[in-house]
């Protein structure tokens, strides 16, 4: 039996894709169900993917980590594939970028506040650093 070695090198099975990306096979199946990660199948039903799926999974992971939903990805990824964005996709991209910018600003504000607490409380005891001691919590008395 002869095999097409160039084809074997250009496709990977789901377990190998999971190992290369650090993403579970369950998550990869979910991506496929959502239409985010197309898979081909062998006659026996095994999933296989092109090598480029490694990069696509990385992109999917990055977009999920940035807070985009599966629905958003289902609008955006076809534009990545076609290398051309629809008006809907461009609107979504701008909206998501604005949301991420807001999150970044909020995180910077939180980091700055934390830096201030660190500076004020460096070497201080709980008694001398007001940030380390919480005021007593009022308790409700039930009659």
N, C-alpha and C. Protein backbone atom coordinates (compact mmCIF):
# COMPACT_ATOMS: atom_id res chain seq x y z
N UNK A 1 0.84 -1.17 0.00
CA UNK A 1 0.00 0.00 0.00
C UNK A 1 0.89 1.24 0.00
N UNK A 2 0.63 2.16 -0.90
CA UNK A 2 1.40 3.40 -0.94
C UNK A 2 0.59 4.51 -0.31
N UNK A 3 1.31 5.43 0.27
CA UNK A 3 0.63 6.58 0.89
C UNK A 3 1.18 7.85 0.29
N UNK A 4 0.39 8.87 0.32
CA UNK A 4 0.82 10.18 -0.17
C UNK A 4 1.46 10.91 1.00
N UNK A 5 2.79 10.87 1.05
CA UNK A 5 3.49 11.46 2.20
C UNK A 5 3.34 12.97 2.25
N UNK A 6 3.20 13.64 1.11
CA UNK A 6 3.02 15.10 1.16
C UNK A 6 1.67 15.43 1.79
N UNK A 7 0.65 14.63 1.53
CA UNK A 7 -0.66 14.84 2.14
C UNK A 7 -0.57 14.57 3.63
N UNK A 8 0.14 13.51 4.02
CA UNK A 8 0.26 13.18 5.43
C UNK A 8 0.94 14.30 6.20
N UNK A 9 1.91 14.95 5.59
CA UNK A 9 2.61 16.03 6.27
C UNK A 9 1.76 17.29 6.35
N UNK A 10 0.83 17.46 5.42
CA UNK A 10 0.07 18.70 5.37
C UNK A 10 -1.21 18.65 6.20
N UNK A 11 -1.56 17.49 6.71
CA UNK A 11 -2.75 17.38 7.56
C UNK A 11 -2.38 16.75 8.90
N UNK A 12 -3.16 17.11 9.91
CA UNK A 12 -2.93 16.54 11.24
C UNK A 12 -4.26 16.10 11.83
N UNK A 13 -4.17 15.11 12.68
CA UNK A 13 -5.36 14.59 13.35
C UNK A 13 -5.68 15.45 14.57
N UNK A 14 -6.89 15.27 15.07
CA UNK A 14 -7.37 16.11 16.16
C UNK A 14 -6.48 16.02 17.40
N UNK A 15 -6.00 14.82 17.73
CA UNK A 15 -5.13 14.67 18.89
C UNK A 15 -3.82 15.41 18.73
N UNK A 16 -3.28 15.38 17.52
CA UNK A 16 -2.03 16.10 17.24
C UNK A 16 -2.26 17.61 17.28
N UNK A 17 -3.41 18.05 16.75
CA UNK A 17 -3.73 19.48 16.80
C UNK A 17 -3.88 19.93 18.25
N UNK A 18 -4.51 19.11 19.05
CA UNK A 18 -4.66 19.44 20.47
C UNK A 18 -3.29 19.55 21.14
N UNK A 19 -2.41 18.60 20.84
CA UNK A 19 -1.07 18.62 21.44
C UNK A 19 -0.27 19.85 20.99
N UNK A 20 -0.37 20.20 19.71
CA UNK A 20 0.39 21.34 19.19
C UNK A 20 -0.11 22.67 19.71
N UNK A 21 -1.40 22.76 20.01
CA UNK A 21 -1.99 24.04 20.41
C UNK A 21 -2.24 24.16 21.91
N UNK A 22 -2.21 23.04 22.61
CA UNK A 22 -2.53 23.07 24.04
C UNK A 22 -4.02 23.23 24.31
N UNK A 23 -4.82 22.96 23.30
CA UNK A 23 -6.28 23.07 23.41
C UNK A 23 -6.85 21.66 23.42
N UNK A 24 -7.82 21.41 24.28
CA UNK A 24 -8.37 20.06 24.40
C UNK A 24 -9.10 19.64 23.12
N UNK A 25 -9.19 18.33 22.92
CA UNK A 25 -9.93 17.82 21.76
C UNK A 25 -11.40 18.20 21.89
N UNK A 26 -11.89 18.26 23.11
CA UNK A 26 -13.28 18.67 23.33
C UNK A 26 -13.50 20.10 22.82
N UNK A 27 -12.56 21.01 23.14
CA UNK A 27 -12.67 22.39 22.66
C UNK A 27 -12.59 22.45 21.14
N UNK A 28 -11.71 21.65 20.56
CA UNK A 28 -11.59 21.63 19.10
C UNK A 28 -12.89 21.16 18.45
N UNK A 29 -13.52 20.17 19.05
CA UNK A 29 -14.81 19.70 18.53
C UNK A 29 -15.87 20.81 18.65
N UNK A 30 -15.83 21.53 19.77
CA UNK A 30 -16.75 22.66 19.96
C UNK A 30 -16.53 23.71 18.87
N UNK A 31 -15.27 24.03 18.60
CA UNK A 31 -14.97 25.01 17.54
C UNK A 31 -15.54 24.53 16.21
N UNK A 32 -15.42 23.24 15.96
CA UNK A 32 -15.96 22.69 14.71
C UNK A 32 -17.49 22.82 14.70
N UNK A 33 -18.14 22.47 15.81
CA UNK A 33 -19.60 22.56 15.90
C UNK A 33 -20.08 23.99 15.67
N UNK A 34 -19.31 24.96 16.13
CA UNK A 34 -19.67 26.37 15.98
C UNK A 34 -19.32 26.92 14.60
N UNK A 35 -18.69 26.11 13.77
CA UNK A 35 -18.31 26.55 12.43
C UNK A 35 -17.05 27.39 12.40
N UNK A 36 -16.27 27.34 13.48
CA UNK A 36 -15.06 28.15 13.58
C UNK A 36 -13.83 27.44 13.04
N UNK A 37 -13.85 26.12 13.06
CA UNK A 37 -12.69 25.32 12.68
C UNK A 37 -13.14 24.15 11.81
N UNK A 38 -13.15 24.34 10.51
CA UNK A 38 -13.59 23.26 9.63
C UNK A 38 -12.65 22.05 9.72
N UNK A 39 -13.25 20.88 9.70
CA UNK A 39 -12.46 19.65 9.72
C UNK A 39 -12.92 18.76 8.57
N UNK A 40 -11.97 18.07 7.99
CA UNK A 40 -12.31 17.04 7.00
C UNK A 40 -12.36 15.72 7.76
N UNK A 41 -12.92 14.73 7.14
CA UNK A 41 -13.01 13.43 7.80
C UNK A 41 -12.53 12.33 6.87
N UNK A 42 -11.94 11.34 7.49
CA UNK A 42 -11.54 10.16 6.74
C UNK A 42 -12.78 9.31 6.50
N UNK A 43 -12.64 8.27 5.70
CA UNK A 43 -13.74 7.34 5.47
C UNK A 43 -14.23 6.72 6.77
N UNK A 44 -13.33 6.59 7.74
CA UNK A 44 -13.68 6.03 9.03
C UNK A 44 -14.22 7.06 10.02
N UNK A 45 -14.34 8.30 9.57
CA UNK A 45 -14.92 9.33 10.43
C UNK A 45 -13.93 10.12 11.28
N UNK A 46 -12.64 9.81 11.17
CA UNK A 46 -11.65 10.57 11.95
C UNK A 46 -11.50 11.97 11.39
N UNK A 47 -11.40 12.94 12.31
CA UNK A 47 -11.20 14.33 11.90
C UNK A 47 -9.74 14.54 11.54
N UNK A 48 -9.52 15.36 10.51
CA UNK A 48 -8.16 15.83 10.24
C UNK A 48 -8.23 17.26 9.74
N UNK A 49 -7.14 17.96 9.98
CA UNK A 49 -7.07 19.40 9.74
C UNK A 49 -5.82 19.73 8.94
N UNK A 50 -5.85 20.83 8.20
CA UNK A 50 -4.61 21.28 7.55
C UNK A 50 -3.66 21.83 8.61
N UNK A 51 -2.38 21.86 8.32
CA UNK A 51 -1.38 22.43 9.25
C UNK A 51 -1.76 23.85 9.67
N UNK A 52 -2.38 24.60 8.76
CA UNK A 52 -2.77 25.99 9.06
C UNK A 52 -3.76 26.07 10.21
N UNK A 53 -4.37 24.95 10.57
CA UNK A 53 -5.32 24.95 11.69
C UNK A 53 -4.63 25.31 13.00
N UNK A 54 -3.34 25.05 13.11
CA UNK A 54 -2.60 25.42 14.33
C UNK A 54 -2.69 26.93 14.54
N UNK A 55 -2.44 27.70 13.49
CA UNK A 55 -2.54 29.16 13.60
C UNK A 55 -3.97 29.60 13.83
N UNK A 56 -4.92 28.94 13.17
CA UNK A 56 -6.32 29.32 13.33
C UNK A 56 -6.78 29.09 14.77
N UNK A 57 -6.39 27.98 15.37
CA UNK A 57 -6.75 27.71 16.76
C UNK A 57 -6.14 28.79 17.66
N UNK A 58 -4.91 29.19 17.38
CA UNK A 58 -4.29 30.27 18.15
C UNK A 58 -5.08 31.56 18.05
N UNK A 59 -5.54 31.88 16.84
CA UNK A 59 -6.35 33.08 16.64
C UNK A 59 -7.67 32.97 17.40
N UNK A 60 -8.32 31.82 17.30
CA UNK A 60 -9.58 31.60 18.01
C UNK A 60 -9.36 31.78 19.51
N UNK A 61 -8.31 31.18 20.04
CA UNK A 61 -8.01 31.30 21.47
C UNK A 61 -7.78 32.76 21.86
N UNK A 62 -7.01 33.48 21.05
CA UNK A 62 -6.74 34.90 21.34
C UNK A 62 -8.03 35.71 21.35
N UNK A 63 -8.89 35.47 20.38
CA UNK A 63 -10.13 36.23 20.29
C UNK A 63 -11.08 35.88 21.44
N UNK A 64 -11.15 34.61 21.82
CA UNK A 64 -11.94 34.23 22.99
C UNK A 64 -11.38 34.89 24.25
N UNK A 65 -10.06 34.86 24.40
CA UNK A 65 -9.43 35.46 25.58
C UNK A 65 -9.69 36.96 25.65
N UNK A 66 -9.85 37.59 24.49
CA UNK A 66 -10.14 39.03 24.45
C UNK A 66 -11.62 39.32 24.72
N UNK A 67 -12.41 38.26 24.88
CA UNK A 67 -13.81 38.45 25.24
C UNK A 67 -14.80 38.35 24.10
N UNK A 68 -14.35 37.99 22.92
CA UNK A 68 -15.28 37.85 21.80
C UNK A 68 -16.06 36.55 21.94
N UNK A 69 -17.29 36.57 21.49
CA UNK A 69 -18.16 35.40 21.58
C UNK A 69 -18.00 34.51 20.35
N UNK A 70 -18.54 33.31 20.45
CA UNK A 70 -18.55 32.40 19.29
C UNK A 70 -19.28 33.03 18.12
N UNK A 71 -20.38 33.73 18.42
CA UNK A 71 -21.14 34.38 17.36
C UNK A 71 -20.29 35.44 16.66
N UNK A 72 -19.56 36.23 17.44
CA UNK A 72 -18.68 37.24 16.84
C UNK A 72 -17.63 36.58 15.97
N UNK A 73 -17.05 35.49 16.48
CA UNK A 73 -16.03 34.80 15.70
C UNK A 73 -16.62 34.23 14.41
N UNK A 74 -17.87 33.78 14.46
CA UNK A 74 -18.48 33.22 13.25
C UNK A 74 -18.69 34.29 12.18
N UNK A 75 -18.75 35.56 12.59
CA UNK A 75 -18.84 36.67 11.64
C UNK A 75 -17.45 37.05 11.14
N UNK A 76 -16.47 37.04 12.04
CA UNK A 76 -15.13 37.53 11.71
C UNK A 76 -14.27 36.53 10.94
N UNK A 77 -14.31 35.27 11.32
CA UNK A 77 -13.39 34.30 10.71
C UNK A 77 -13.58 34.12 9.20
N UNK A 78 -14.80 34.15 8.68
CA UNK A 78 -14.91 34.07 7.22
C UNK A 78 -14.21 35.25 6.52
N UNK A 79 -14.18 36.40 7.18
CA UNK A 79 -13.47 37.55 6.61
C UNK A 79 -11.96 37.31 6.61
N UNK A 80 -11.48 36.64 7.65
CA UNK A 80 -10.06 36.28 7.70
C UNK A 80 -9.75 35.32 6.56
N UNK A 81 -10.63 34.36 6.36
CA UNK A 81 -10.42 33.37 5.29
C UNK A 81 -10.43 34.03 3.91
N UNK A 82 -11.38 34.94 3.69
CA UNK A 82 -11.51 35.59 2.39
C UNK A 82 -10.57 36.79 2.24
N UNK A 83 -9.96 37.19 3.35
CA UNK A 83 -9.10 38.37 3.40
C UNK A 83 -9.84 39.61 2.89
N UNK A 84 -11.11 39.67 3.28
CA UNK A 84 -11.94 40.80 2.90
C UNK A 84 -13.08 40.87 3.91
N UNK A 85 -13.31 42.05 4.46
CA UNK A 85 -14.30 42.20 5.52
C UNK A 85 -15.61 42.78 5.00
N UNK A 86 -16.70 42.23 5.52
CA UNK A 86 -18.01 42.78 5.23
C UNK A 86 -18.24 44.01 6.11
N UNK A 87 -19.26 44.80 5.79
CA UNK A 87 -19.59 45.96 6.62
C UNK A 87 -19.94 45.51 8.04
N UNK A 88 -20.68 44.40 8.15
CA UNK A 88 -21.04 43.87 9.46
C UNK A 88 -19.79 43.51 10.26
N UNK A 89 -18.85 42.87 9.61
CA UNK A 89 -17.61 42.48 10.29
C UNK A 89 -16.80 43.70 10.71
N UNK A 90 -16.73 44.70 9.87
CA UNK A 90 -15.97 45.91 10.22
C UNK A 90 -16.60 46.62 11.41
N UNK A 91 -17.93 46.69 11.44
CA UNK A 91 -18.62 47.30 12.58
C UNK A 91 -18.32 46.51 13.85
N UNK A 92 -18.40 45.19 13.74
CA UNK A 92 -18.12 44.33 14.88
C UNK A 92 -16.67 44.48 15.34
N UNK A 93 -15.75 44.52 14.41
CA UNK A 93 -14.33 44.69 14.77
C UNK A 93 -14.10 45.99 15.51
N UNK A 94 -14.69 47.07 15.03
CA UNK A 94 -14.52 48.37 15.69
C UNK A 94 -15.15 48.36 17.08
N UNK A 95 -16.32 47.76 17.21
CA UNK A 95 -17.00 47.68 18.51
C UNK A 95 -16.16 46.88 19.50
N UNK A 96 -15.64 45.75 19.05
CA UNK A 96 -14.82 44.91 19.94
C UNK A 96 -13.52 45.61 20.31
N UNK A 97 -12.93 46.30 19.37
CA UNK A 97 -11.69 47.03 19.67
C UNK A 97 -11.95 48.13 20.69
N UNK A 98 -13.06 48.84 20.57
CA UNK A 98 -13.42 49.87 21.54
C UNK A 98 -13.63 49.26 22.93
N UNK A 99 -14.30 48.10 22.97
CA UNK A 99 -14.52 47.41 24.25
C UNK A 99 -13.20 47.01 24.88
N UNK A 100 -12.29 46.48 24.09
CA UNK A 100 -10.97 46.09 24.60
C UNK A 100 -10.20 47.30 25.08
N UNK A 101 -10.28 48.41 24.35
CA UNK A 101 -9.62 49.65 24.80
C UNK A 101 -10.15 50.09 26.16
N UNK A 102 -11.48 49.99 26.36
CA UNK A 102 -12.06 50.34 27.67
C UNK A 102 -11.52 49.43 28.76
N UNK A 103 -11.45 48.14 28.47
CA UNK A 103 -10.91 47.19 29.45
C UNK A 103 -9.47 47.52 29.80
N UNK A 104 -8.69 47.87 28.81
CA UNK A 104 -7.28 48.22 29.04
C UNK A 104 -7.20 49.44 29.94
N UNK A 105 -8.00 50.46 29.66
CA UNK A 105 -7.99 51.66 30.50
C UNK A 105 -8.37 51.32 31.94
N UNK A 106 -9.39 50.48 32.11
CA UNK A 106 -9.81 50.07 33.46
C UNK A 106 -8.70 49.30 34.16
N UNK A 107 -8.04 48.42 33.45
CA UNK A 107 -6.93 47.66 34.04
C UNK A 107 -5.77 48.57 34.43
N UNK A 108 -5.48 49.55 33.61
CA UNK A 108 -4.40 50.50 33.93
C UNK A 108 -4.76 51.29 35.18
N UNK A 109 -6.00 51.73 35.29
CA UNK A 109 -6.45 52.45 36.49
C UNK A 109 -6.31 51.56 37.72
N UNK A 110 -6.73 50.32 37.61
CA UNK A 110 -6.62 49.39 38.73
C UNK A 110 -5.16 49.15 39.10
N UNK A 111 -4.31 48.98 38.11
CA UNK A 111 -2.88 48.78 38.38
C UNK A 111 -2.29 50.00 39.07
N UNK A 112 -2.65 51.20 38.61
CA UNK A 112 -2.14 52.42 39.23
C UNK A 112 -2.60 52.53 40.69
N UNK A 113 -3.83 52.16 40.96
CA UNK A 113 -4.32 52.18 42.35
C UNK A 113 -3.56 51.16 43.20
N UNK A 114 -3.31 50.01 42.64
CA UNK A 114 -2.55 48.99 43.35
C UNK A 114 -1.13 49.46 43.61
N UNK A 115 -0.50 50.09 42.64
CA UNK A 115 0.85 50.65 42.84
C UNK A 115 0.85 51.67 43.98
N UNK A 116 -0.20 52.48 44.05
CA UNK A 116 -0.31 53.48 45.12
C UNK A 116 -0.41 52.80 46.49
N UNK A 117 -1.22 51.76 46.58
CA UNK A 117 -1.35 51.03 47.84
C UNK A 117 -0.01 50.40 48.21
N UNK A 118 0.67 49.81 47.25
CA UNK A 118 1.97 49.19 47.51
C UNK A 118 2.95 50.24 48.04
N UNK A 119 2.99 51.39 47.40
CA UNK A 119 3.91 52.45 47.82
C UNK A 119 3.57 52.95 49.22
N UNK A 120 2.29 53.16 49.49
CA UNK A 120 1.87 53.69 50.79
C UNK A 120 2.08 52.68 51.91
N UNK A 121 2.00 51.42 51.60
CA UNK A 121 2.05 50.40 52.64
C UNK A 121 3.36 49.63 52.70
N UNK A 122 4.32 49.99 51.88
CA UNK A 122 5.61 49.29 51.89
C UNK A 122 6.22 49.39 53.28
N UNK A 123 6.44 48.27 53.89
CA UNK A 123 7.06 48.22 55.21
C UNK A 123 6.14 48.63 56.35
N UNK A 124 4.91 48.95 56.07
CA UNK A 124 3.98 49.37 57.12
C UNK A 124 3.31 48.16 57.75
N UNK A 125 2.87 48.35 58.96
CA UNK A 125 2.11 47.30 59.63
C UNK A 125 0.63 47.56 59.37
N UNK A 126 -0.21 46.59 59.60
CA UNK A 126 -1.64 46.82 59.40
C UNK A 126 -2.16 48.00 60.21
N UNK A 127 -1.56 48.26 61.35
CA UNK A 127 -2.02 49.37 62.19
C UNK A 127 -1.68 50.73 61.58
N UNK A 128 -0.61 50.81 60.79
CA UNK A 128 -0.20 52.10 60.24
C UNK A 128 -0.57 52.28 58.77
N UNK A 129 -1.04 51.25 58.15
CA UNK A 129 -1.46 51.37 56.74
C UNK A 129 -2.96 51.13 56.65
N UNK A 130 -3.68 52.19 56.40
CA UNK A 130 -5.13 52.10 56.35
C UNK A 130 -5.66 51.18 55.28
N UNK A 131 -4.85 50.89 54.27
CA UNK A 131 -5.31 50.01 53.19
C UNK A 131 -5.34 48.54 53.63
N UNK A 132 -4.59 48.22 54.67
CA UNK A 132 -4.50 46.82 55.09
C UNK A 132 -5.54 46.44 56.13
N UNK A 133 -6.24 47.43 56.68
CA UNK A 133 -7.24 47.15 57.71
C UNK A 133 -8.60 47.60 57.20
N UNK A 134 -9.55 46.72 57.27
CA UNK A 134 -10.90 47.08 56.88
C UNK A 134 -11.63 47.62 58.09
N UNK A 135 -12.47 48.63 57.90
CA UNK A 135 -13.27 49.11 59.03
C UNK A 135 -14.25 48.02 59.43
N UNK A 136 -14.68 48.04 60.70
CA UNK A 136 -15.63 47.01 61.13
C UNK A 136 -16.90 47.06 60.28
N UNK A 137 -17.42 45.89 60.02
CA UNK A 137 -18.64 45.79 59.23
C UNK A 137 -19.83 45.88 60.17
N UNK A 138 -20.76 46.75 59.83
CA UNK A 138 -21.96 46.87 60.66
C UNK A 138 -22.76 45.59 60.55
N UNK A 139 -23.21 45.12 61.69
CA UNK A 139 -23.99 43.89 61.70
C UNK A 139 -25.46 44.24 61.95
N UNK A 140 -26.31 43.53 61.28
CA UNK A 140 -27.74 43.74 61.45
C UNK A 140 -28.21 42.89 62.61
N UNK A 141 -28.92 43.52 63.52
CA UNK A 141 -29.46 42.80 64.67
C UNK A 141 -30.89 42.43 64.34
N UNK A 142 -31.19 41.16 64.49
CA UNK A 142 -32.55 40.69 64.22
C UNK A 142 -33.33 40.68 65.53
N UNK A 143 -34.52 41.16 65.46
CA UNK A 143 -35.35 41.20 66.67
C UNK A 143 -36.20 39.97 66.77
